[in-house]
Amino acid sequence: MIYVIAWLFPPLALLLVGKPFQAMLNGVLWIVGVVLSMGVIGLFIVIPCIIWACAGVAVARGDKKHQQMLDTIAATRR
């Protein structure tokens, strides 16, 4: 579901995974791209914002899984 949000509204996806500064920068670029989307130039701005949001979500999910594994390993050593 978060990837659907990343496609439709990339800054919100970054904000939901806990990356507020990236969300702000992505939001500014995304708004500029949407305003300019009448031409091809807007797509060259919007598409990287979508890719950036999908990559940010993937990294956040990977970090969460990694932290869960570390917590499990720490719990078993006690």
PDB file of N, CA and C in Angstrom:
ATOM      1  N   MET A   1       0.824  -1.196   0.000  1.00  0.00           N
ATOM      2  CA  MET A   1       0.000   0.000   0.000  1.00  0.00           C
ATOM      3  C   MET A   1       0.872   1.265   0.000  1.00  0.00           C
ATOM      4  N   ILE A   2       1.983   1.218   0.718  1.00  0.00           N
ATOM      5  CA  ILE A   2       2.837   2.394   0.796  1.00  0.00           C
ATOM      6  C   ILE A   2       3.445   2.709  -0.568  1.00  0.00           C
ATOM      7  N   TYR A   3       3.644   1.687  -1.416  1.00  0.00           N
ATOM      8  CA  TYR A   3       4.179   1.936  -2.745  1.00  0.00           C
ATOM      9  C   TYR A   3       3.139   2.619  -3.644  1.00  0.00           C
ATOM     10  N   VAL A   4       1.876   2.346  -3.426  1.00  0.00           N
ATOM     11  CA  VAL A   4       0.820   3.045  -4.170  1.00  0.00           C
ATOM     12  C   VAL A   4       0.836   4.521  -3.789  1.00  0.00           C
ATOM     13  N   ILE A   5       0.995   4.801  -2.517  1.00  0.00           N
ATOM     14  CA  ILE A   5       1.099   6.187  -2.065  1.00  0.00           C
ATOM     15  C   ILE A   5       2.349   6.834  -2.666  1.00  0.00           C
ATOM     16  N   ALA A   6       3.432   6.070  -2.754  1.00  0.00           N
ATOM     17  CA  ALA A   6       4.663   6.608  -3.342  1.00  0.00           C
ATOM     18  C   ALA A   6       4.458   6.972  -4.808  1.00  0.00           C
ATOM     19  N   TRP A   7       3.642   6.243  -5.513  1.00  0.00           N
ATOM     20  CA  TRP A   7       3.375   6.561  -6.912  1.00  0.00           C
ATOM     21  C   TRP A   7       2.447   7.755  -7.065  1.00  0.00           C
ATOM     22  N   LEU A   8       1.452   7.845  -6.179  1.00  0.00           N
ATOM     23  CA  LEU A   8       0.454   8.909  -6.315  1.00  0.00           C
ATOM     24  C   LEU A   8       0.878  10.217  -5.662  1.00  0.00           C
ATOM     25  N   PHE A   9       1.504  10.120  -4.498  1.00  0.00           N
ATOM     26  CA  PHE A   9       1.908  11.316  -3.751  1.00  0.00           C
ATOM     27  C   PHE A   9       3.221  11.021  -3.036  1.00  0.00           C
ATOM     28  N   PRO A  10       4.341  11.115  -3.756  1.00  0.00           N
ATOM     29  CA  PRO A  10       5.642  10.711  -3.222  1.00  0.00           C
ATOM     30  C   PRO A  10       6.048  11.359  -1.892  1.00  0.00           C
ATOM     31  N   PRO A  11       5.807  12.663  -1.676  1.00  0.00           N
ATOM     32  CA  PRO A  11       6.237  13.250  -0.399  1.00  0.00           C
ATOM     33  C   PRO A  11       5.538  12.627   0.806  1.00  0.00           C
ATOM     34  N   LEU A  12       4.279  12.257   0.644  1.00  0.00           N
ATOM     35  CA  LEU A  12       3.547  11.639   1.748  1.00  0.00           C
ATOM     36  C   LEU A  12       4.136  10.280   2.107  1.00  0.00           C
ATOM     37  N   ALA A  13       4.539   9.516   1.115  1.00  0.00           N
ATOM     38  CA  ALA A  13       5.148   8.208   1.375  1.00  0.00           C
ATOM     39  C   ALA A  13       6.434   8.363   2.178  1.00  0.00           C
ATOM     40  N   LEU A  14       7.266   9.340   1.793  1.00  0.00           N
ATOM     41  CA  LEU A  14       8.507   9.568   2.535  1.00  0.00           C
ATOM     42  C   LEU A  14       8.222  10.034   3.956  1.00  0.00           C
ATOM     43  N   LEU A  15       7.197  10.834   4.111  1.00  0.00           N
ATOM     44  CA  LEU A  15       6.831  11.307   5.449  1.00  0.00           C
ATOM     45  C   LEU A  15       6.321  10.155   6.317  1.00  0.00           C
ATOM     46  N   LEU A  16       5.561   9.249   5.729  1.00  0.00           N
ATOM     47  CA  LEU A  16       5.010   8.122   6.484  1.00  0.00           C
ATOM     48  C   LEU A  16       6.078   7.128   6.941  1.00  0.00           C
ATOM     49  N   VAL A  17       7.188   7.040   6.216  1.00  0.00           N
ATOM     50  CA  VAL A  17       8.251   6.120   6.632  1.00  0.00           C
ATOM     51  C   VAL A  17       9.274   6.806   7.535  1.00  0.00           C
ATOM     52  N   GLY A  18       9.040   8.069   7.881  1.00  0.00           N
ATOM     53  CA  GLY A  18       9.892   8.743   8.851  1.00  0.00           C
ATOM     54  C   GLY A  18      11.066   9.492   8.264  1.00  0.00           C
ATOM     55  N   LYS A  19      10.903  10.051   7.098  1.00  0.00           N
ATOM     56  CA  LYS A  19      11.971  10.835   6.473  1.00  0.00           C
ATOM     57  C   LYS A  19      11.432  12.237   6.153  1.00  0.00           C
ATOM     58  N   PRO A  20      11.288  13.092   7.173  1.00  0.00           N
ATOM     59  CA  PRO A  20      10.629  14.386   6.954  1.00  0.00           C
ATOM     60  C   PRO A  20      11.415  15.357   6.082  1.00  0.00           C
ATOM     61  N   PHE A  21      12.735  15.394   6.203  1.00  0.00           N
ATOM     62  CA  PHE A  21      13.510  16.333   5.395  1.00  0.00           C
ATOM     63  C   PHE A  21      13.510  15.929   3.920  1.00  0.00           C
ATOM     64  N   GLN A  22      13.609  14.636   3.671  1.00  0.00           N
ATOM     65  CA  GLN A  22      13.517  14.164   2.297  1.00  0.00           C
ATOM     66  C   GLN A  22      12.125  14.430   1.738  1.00  0.00           C
ATOM     67  N   ALA A  23      11.105  14.291   2.592  1.00  0.00           N
ATOM     68  CA  ALA A  23       9.740  14.548   2.157  1.00  0.00           C
ATOM     69  C   ALA A  23       9.546  16.013   1.770  1.00  0.00           C
ATOM     70  N   MET A  24      10.152  16.926   2.530  1.00  0.00           N
ATOM     71  CA  MET A  24      10.024  18.339   2.194  1.00  0.00           C
ATOM     72  C   MET A  24      10.679  18.652   0.845  1.00  0.00           C
ATOM     73  N   LEU A  25      11.894  18.179   0.648  1.00  0.00           N
ATOM     74  CA  LEU A  25      12.587  18.439  -0.608  1.00  0.00           C
ATOM     75  C   LEU A  25      11.870  17.767  -1.778  1.00  0.00           C
ATOM     76  N   ASN A  26      11.445  16.539  -1.571  1.00  0.00           N
ATOM     77  CA  ASN A  26      10.710  15.821  -2.603  1.00  0.00           C
ATOM     78  C   ASN A  26       9.399  16.544  -2.907  1.00  0.00           C
ATOM     79  N   GLY A  27       8.755  17.071  -1.881  1.00  0.00           N
ATOM     80  CA  GLY A  27       7.495  17.793  -2.077  1.00  0.00           C
ATOM     81  C   GLY A  27       7.669  19.039  -2.920  1.00  0.00           C
ATOM     82  N   VAL A  28       8.725  19.786  -2.656  1.00  0.00           N
ATOM     83  CA  VAL A  28       8.984  20.989  -3.455  1.00  0.00           C
ATOM     84  C   VAL A  28       9.222  20.606  -4.915  1.00  0.00           C
ATOM     85  N   LEU A  29      10.066  19.609  -5.131  1.00  0.00           N
ATOM     86  CA  LEU A  29      10.349  19.183  -6.505  1.00  0.00           C
ATOM     87  C   LEU A  29       9.106  18.611  -7.184  1.00  0.00           C
ATOM     88  N   TRP A  30       8.317  17.852  -6.432  1.00  0.00           N
ATOM     89  CA  TRP A  30       7.123  17.237  -6.988  1.00  0.00           C
ATOM     90  C   TRP A  30       6.091  18.292  -7.379  1.00  0.00           C
ATOM     91  N   ILE A  31       5.918  19.305  -6.536  1.00  0.00           N
ATOM     92  CA  ILE A  31       4.972  20.376  -6.855  1.00  0.00           C
ATOM     93  C   ILE A  31       5.423  21.135  -8.103  1.00  0.00           C
ATOM     94  N   VAL A  32       6.717  21.427  -8.192  1.00  0.00           N
ATOM     95  CA  VAL A  32       7.236  22.090  -9.390  1.00  0.00           C
ATOM     96  C   VAL A  32       6.985  21.213 -10.617  1.00  0.00           C
ATOM     97  N   GLY A  33       7.213  19.933 -10.489  1.00  0.00           N
ATOM     98  CA  GLY A  33       6.985  19.017 -11.604  1.00  0.00           C
ATOM     99  C   GLY A  33       5.527  18.932 -12.008  1.00  0.00           C
ATOM    100  N   VAL A  34       4.633  18.931 -11.022  1.00  0.00           N
ATOM    101  CA  VAL A  34       3.200  18.869 -11.324  1.00  0.00           C
ATOM    102  C   VAL A  34       2.749  20.158 -12.003  1.00  0.00           C
ATOM    103  N   VAL A  35       3.254  21.295 -11.539  1.00  0.00           N
ATOM    104  CA  VAL A  35       2.898  22.569 -12.170  1.00  0.00           C
ATOM    105  C   VAL A  35       3.398  22.609 -13.612  1.00  0.00           C
ATOM    106  N   LEU A  36       4.588  22.078 -13.831  1.00  0.00           N
ATOM    107  CA  LEU A  36       5.161  22.066 -15.175  1.00  0.00           C
ATOM    108  C   LEU A  36       4.754  20.846 -15.995  1.00  0.00           C
ATOM    109  N   SER A  37       3.827  20.035 -15.486  1.00  0.00           N
ATOM    110  CA  SER A  37       3.511  18.771 -16.150  1.00  0.00           C
ATOM    111  C   SER A  37       2.749  18.956 -17.459  1.00  0.00           C
ATOM    112  N   MET A  38       2.478  20.170 -17.825  1.00  0.00           N
ATOM    113  CA  MET A  38       1.843  20.406 -19.119  1.00  0.00           C
ATOM    114  C   MET A  38       2.784  19.969 -20.251  1.00  0.00           C
ATOM    115  N   GLY A  39       4.075  20.018 -19.997  1.00  0.00           N
ATOM    116  CA  GLY A  39       5.048  19.627 -21.020  1.00  0.00           C
ATOM    117  C   GLY A  39       5.885  18.459 -20.560  1.00  0.00           C
ATOM    118  N   VAL A  40       6.866  18.150 -21.344  1.00  0.00           N
ATOM    119  CA  VAL A  40       7.741  17.014 -21.065  1.00  0.00           C
ATOM    120  C   VAL A  40       8.658  17.313 -19.877  1.00  0.00           C
ATOM    121  N   ILE A  41       8.994  18.573 -19.664  1.00  0.00           N
ATOM    122  CA  ILE A  41       9.910  18.940 -18.581  1.00  0.00           C
ATOM    123  C   ILE A  41       9.352  18.515 -17.226  1.00  0.00           C
ATOM    124  N   GLY A  42       8.052  18.632 -17.036  1.00  0.00           N
ATOM    125  CA  GLY A  42       7.434  18.229 -15.778  1.00  0.00           C
ATOM    126  C   GLY A  42       7.621  16.750 -15.488  1.00  0.00           C
ATOM    127  N   LEU A  43       7.549  15.934 -16.533  1.00  0.00           N
ATOM    128  CA  LEU A  43       7.744  14.495 -16.342  1.00  0.00           C
ATOM    129  C   LEU A  43       9.166  14.173 -15.920  1.00  0.00           C
ATOM    130  N   PHE A  44      10.131  14.960 -16.398  1.00  0.00           N
ATOM    131  CA  PHE A  44      11.518  14.738 -16.002  1.00  0.00           C
ATOM    132  C   PHE A  44      11.756  15.113 -14.544  1.00  0.00           C
ATOM    133  N   ILE A  45      10.805  15.791 -13.937  1.00  0.00           N
ATOM    134  CA  ILE A  45      10.907  16.125 -12.511  1.00  0.00           C
ATOM    135  C   ILE A  45      10.048  15.177 -11.677  1.00  0.00           C
ATOM    136  N   VAL A  46       8.850  14.854 -12.146  1.00  0.00           N
ATOM    137  CA  VAL A  46       7.924  14.010 -11.383  1.00  0.00           C
ATOM    138  C   VAL A  46       8.415  12.573 -11.305  1.00  0.00           C
ATOM    139  N   ILE A  47       8.890  12.027 -12.396  1.00  0.00           N
ATOM    140  CA  ILE A  47       9.324  10.622 -12.408  1.00  0.00           C
ATOM    141  C   ILE A  47      10.488  10.374 -11.442  1.00  0.00           C
ATOM    142  N   PRO A  48      11.520  11.219 -11.396  1.00  0.00           N
ATOM    143  CA  PRO A  48      12.563  10.996 -10.379  1.00  0.00           C
ATOM    144  C   PRO A  48      12.034  11.121  -8.944  1.00  0.00           C
ATOM    145  N   CYS A  49      11.039  11.978  -8.730  1.00  0.00           N
ATOM    146  CA  CYS A  49      10.450  12.078  -7.386  1.00  0.00           C
ATOM    147  C   CYS A  49       9.771  10.771  -6.992  1.00  0.00           C
ATOM    148  N   ILE A  50       9.090  10.144  -7.940  1.00  0.00           N
ATOM    149  CA  ILE A  50       8.437   8.859  -7.673  1.00  0.00           C
ATOM    150  C   ILE A  50       9.480   7.781  -7.396  1.00  0.00           C
ATOM    151  N   ILE A  51      10.527   7.743  -8.200  1.00  0.00           N
ATOM    152  CA  ILE A  51      11.593   6.757  -8.000  1.00  0.00           C
ATOM    153  C   ILE A  51      12.267   6.978  -6.653  1.00  0.00           C
ATOM    154  N   TRP A  52      12.521   8.241  -6.317  1.00  0.00           N
ATOM    155  CA  TRP A  52      13.126   8.589  -5.031  1.00  0.00           C
ATOM    156  C   TRP A  52      12.259   8.100  -3.874  1.00  0.00           C
ATOM    157  N   ALA A  53      10.946   8.313  -3.973  1.00  0.00           N
ATOM    158  CA  ALA A  53      10.043   7.882  -2.903  1.00  0.00           C
ATOM    159  C   ALA A  53      10.022   6.361  -2.778  1.00  0.00           C
ATOM    160  N   CYS A  54       9.977   5.656  -3.896  1.00  0.00           N
ATOM    161  CA  CYS A  54       9.984   4.181  -3.846  1.00  0.00           C
ATOM    162  C   CYS A  54      11.284   3.665  -3.244  1.00  0.00           C
ATOM    163  N   ALA A  55      12.395   4.278  -3.614  1.00  0.00           N
ATOM    164  CA  ALA A  55      13.682   3.868  -3.046  1.00  0.00           C
ATOM    165  C   ALA A  55      13.741   4.184  -1.554  1.00  0.00           C
ATOM    166  N   GLY A  56      13.231   5.329  -1.151  1.00  0.00           N
ATOM    167  CA  GLY A  56      13.211   5.689   0.268  1.00  0.00           C
ATOM    168  C   GLY A  56      12.367   4.736   1.093  1.00  0.00           C
ATOM    169  N   VAL A  57      11.232   4.320   0.543  1.00  0.00           N
ATOM    170  CA  VAL A  57      10.374   3.354   1.237  1.00  0.00           C
ATOM    171  C   VAL A  57      11.087   2.011   1.354  1.00  0.00           C
ATOM    172  N   ALA A  58      11.737   1.584   0.284  1.00  0.00           N
ATOM    173  CA  ALA A  58      12.454   0.303   0.306  1.00  0.00           C
ATOM    174  C   ALA A  58      13.579   0.326   1.331  1.00  0.00           C
ATOM    175  N   VAL A  59      14.317   1.418   1.400  1.00  0.00           N
ATOM    176  CA  VAL A  59      15.407   1.534   2.371  1.00  0.00           C
ATOM    177  C   VAL A  59      14.853   1.527   3.799  1.00  0.00           C
ATOM    178  N   ALA A  60      13.764   2.244   4.026  1.00  0.00           N
ATOM    179  CA  ALA A  60      13.173   2.284   5.368  1.00  0.00           C
ATOM    180  C   ALA A  60      12.676   0.901   5.794  1.00  0.00           C
ATOM    181  N   ARG A  61      12.087   0.166   4.862  1.00  0.00           N
ATOM    182  CA  ARG A  61      11.631  -1.193   5.188  1.00  0.00           C
ATOM    183  C   ARG A  61      12.818  -2.114   5.471  1.00  0.00           C
ATOM    184  N   GLY A  62      13.878  -1.977   4.687  1.00  0.00           N
ATOM    185  CA  GLY A  62      15.078  -2.781   4.917  1.00  0.00           C
ATOM    186  C   GLY A  62      15.717  -2.469   6.254  1.00  0.00           C
ATOM    187  N   ASP A  63      15.759  -1.182   6.611  1.00  0.00           N
ATOM    188  CA  ASP A  63      16.303  -0.793   7.917  1.00  0.00           C
ATOM    189  C   ASP A  63      15.480  -1.385   9.053  1.00  0.00           C
ATOM    190  N   LYS A  64      14.155  -1.387   8.878  1.00  0.00           N
ATOM    191  CA  LYS A  64      13.278  -1.936   9.913  1.00  0.00           C
ATOM    192  C   LYS A  64      13.512  -3.446  10.086  1.00  0.00           C
ATOM    193  N   LYS A  65      13.627  -4.155   8.967  1.00  0.00           N
ATOM    194  CA  LYS A  65      13.888  -5.600   9.036  1.00  0.00           C
ATOM    195  C   LYS A  65      15.245  -5.884   9.665  1.00  0.00           C
ATOM    196  N   HIS A  66      16.232  -5.075   9.305  1.00  0.00           N
ATOM    197  CA  HIS A  66      17.570  -5.246   9.860  1.00  0.00           C
ATOM    198  C   HIS A  66      17.553  -5.025  11.376  1.00  0.00           C
ATOM    199  N   GLN A  67      16.853  -4.002  11.826  1.00  0.00           N
ATOM    200  CA  GLN A  67      16.772  -3.734  13.261  1.00  0.00           C
ATOM    201  C   GLN A  67      16.053  -4.858  13.992  1.00  0.00           C
ATOM    202  N   GLN A  68      15.021  -5.425  13.378  1.00  0.00           N
ATOM    203  CA  GLN A  68      14.322  -6.554  13.988  1.00  0.00           C
ATOM    204  C   GLN A  68      15.248  -7.759  14.131  1.00  0.00           C
ATOM    205  N   MET A  69      16.083  -8.008  13.131  1.00  0.00           N
ATOM    206  CA  MET A  69      17.027  -9.123  13.224  1.00  0.00           C
ATOM    207  C   MET A  69      18.054  -8.874  14.322  1.00  0.00           C
ATOM    208  N   LEU A  70      18.545  -7.650  14.414  1.00  0.00           N
ATOM    209  CA  LEU A  70      19.499  -7.330  15.475  1.00  0.00           C
ATOM    210  C   LEU A  70      18.873  -7.485  16.858  1.00  0.00           C
ATOM    211  N   ASP A  71      17.630  -7.065  16.999  1.00  0.00           N
ATOM    212  CA  ASP A  71      16.935  -7.223  18.279  1.00  0.00           C
ATOM    213  C   ASP A  71      16.742  -8.690  18.627  1.00  0.00           C
ATOM    214  N   THR A  72      16.436  -9.515  17.626  1.00  0.00           N
ATOM    215  CA  THR A  72      16.263 -10.947  17.850  1.00  0.00           C
ATOM    216  C   THR A  72      17.581 -11.589  18.273  1.00  0.00           C
ATOM    217  N   ILE A  73      18.661 -11.213  17.614  1.00  0.00           N
ATOM    218  CA  ILE A  73      19.970 -11.759  17.965  1.00  0.00           C
ATOM    219  C   ILE A  73      20.349 -11.332  19.380  1.00  0.00           C
ATOM    220  N   ALA A  74      20.099 -10.079  19.728  1.00  0.00           N
ATOM    221  CA  ALA A  74      20.414  -9.600  21.069  1.00  0.00           C
ATOM    222  C   ALA A  74      19.579 -10.311  22.121  1.00  0.00           C
ATOM    223  N   ALA A  75      18.323 -10.618  21.793  1.00  0.00           N
ATOM    224  CA  ALA A  75      17.448 -11.293  22.752  1.00  0.00           C
ATOM    225  C   ALA A  75      17.897 -12.742  22.981  1.00  0.00           C
ATOM    226  N   THR A  76      18.425 -13.398  21.958  1.00  0.00           N
ATOM    227  CA  THR A  76      18.831 -14.784  22.104  1.00  0.00           C
ATOM    228  C   THR A  76      20.166 -14.907  22.847  1.00  0.00           C
ATOM    229  N   ARG A  77      20.949 -13.857  22.900  1.00  0.00           N
ATOM    230  CA  ARG A  77      22.240 -13.905  23.602  1.00  0.00           C
ATOM    231  C   ARG A  77      22.103 -13.686  25.095  1.00  0.00           C
ATOM    232  N   ARG A  78      20.976 -13.288  25.531  1.00  0.00           N
ATOM    233  CA  ARG A  78      20.789 -13.017  26.973  1.00  0.00           C
ATOM    234  C   ARG A  78      20.650 -14.251  27.767  1.00  0.00           C
TER     235      ARG A  78
END
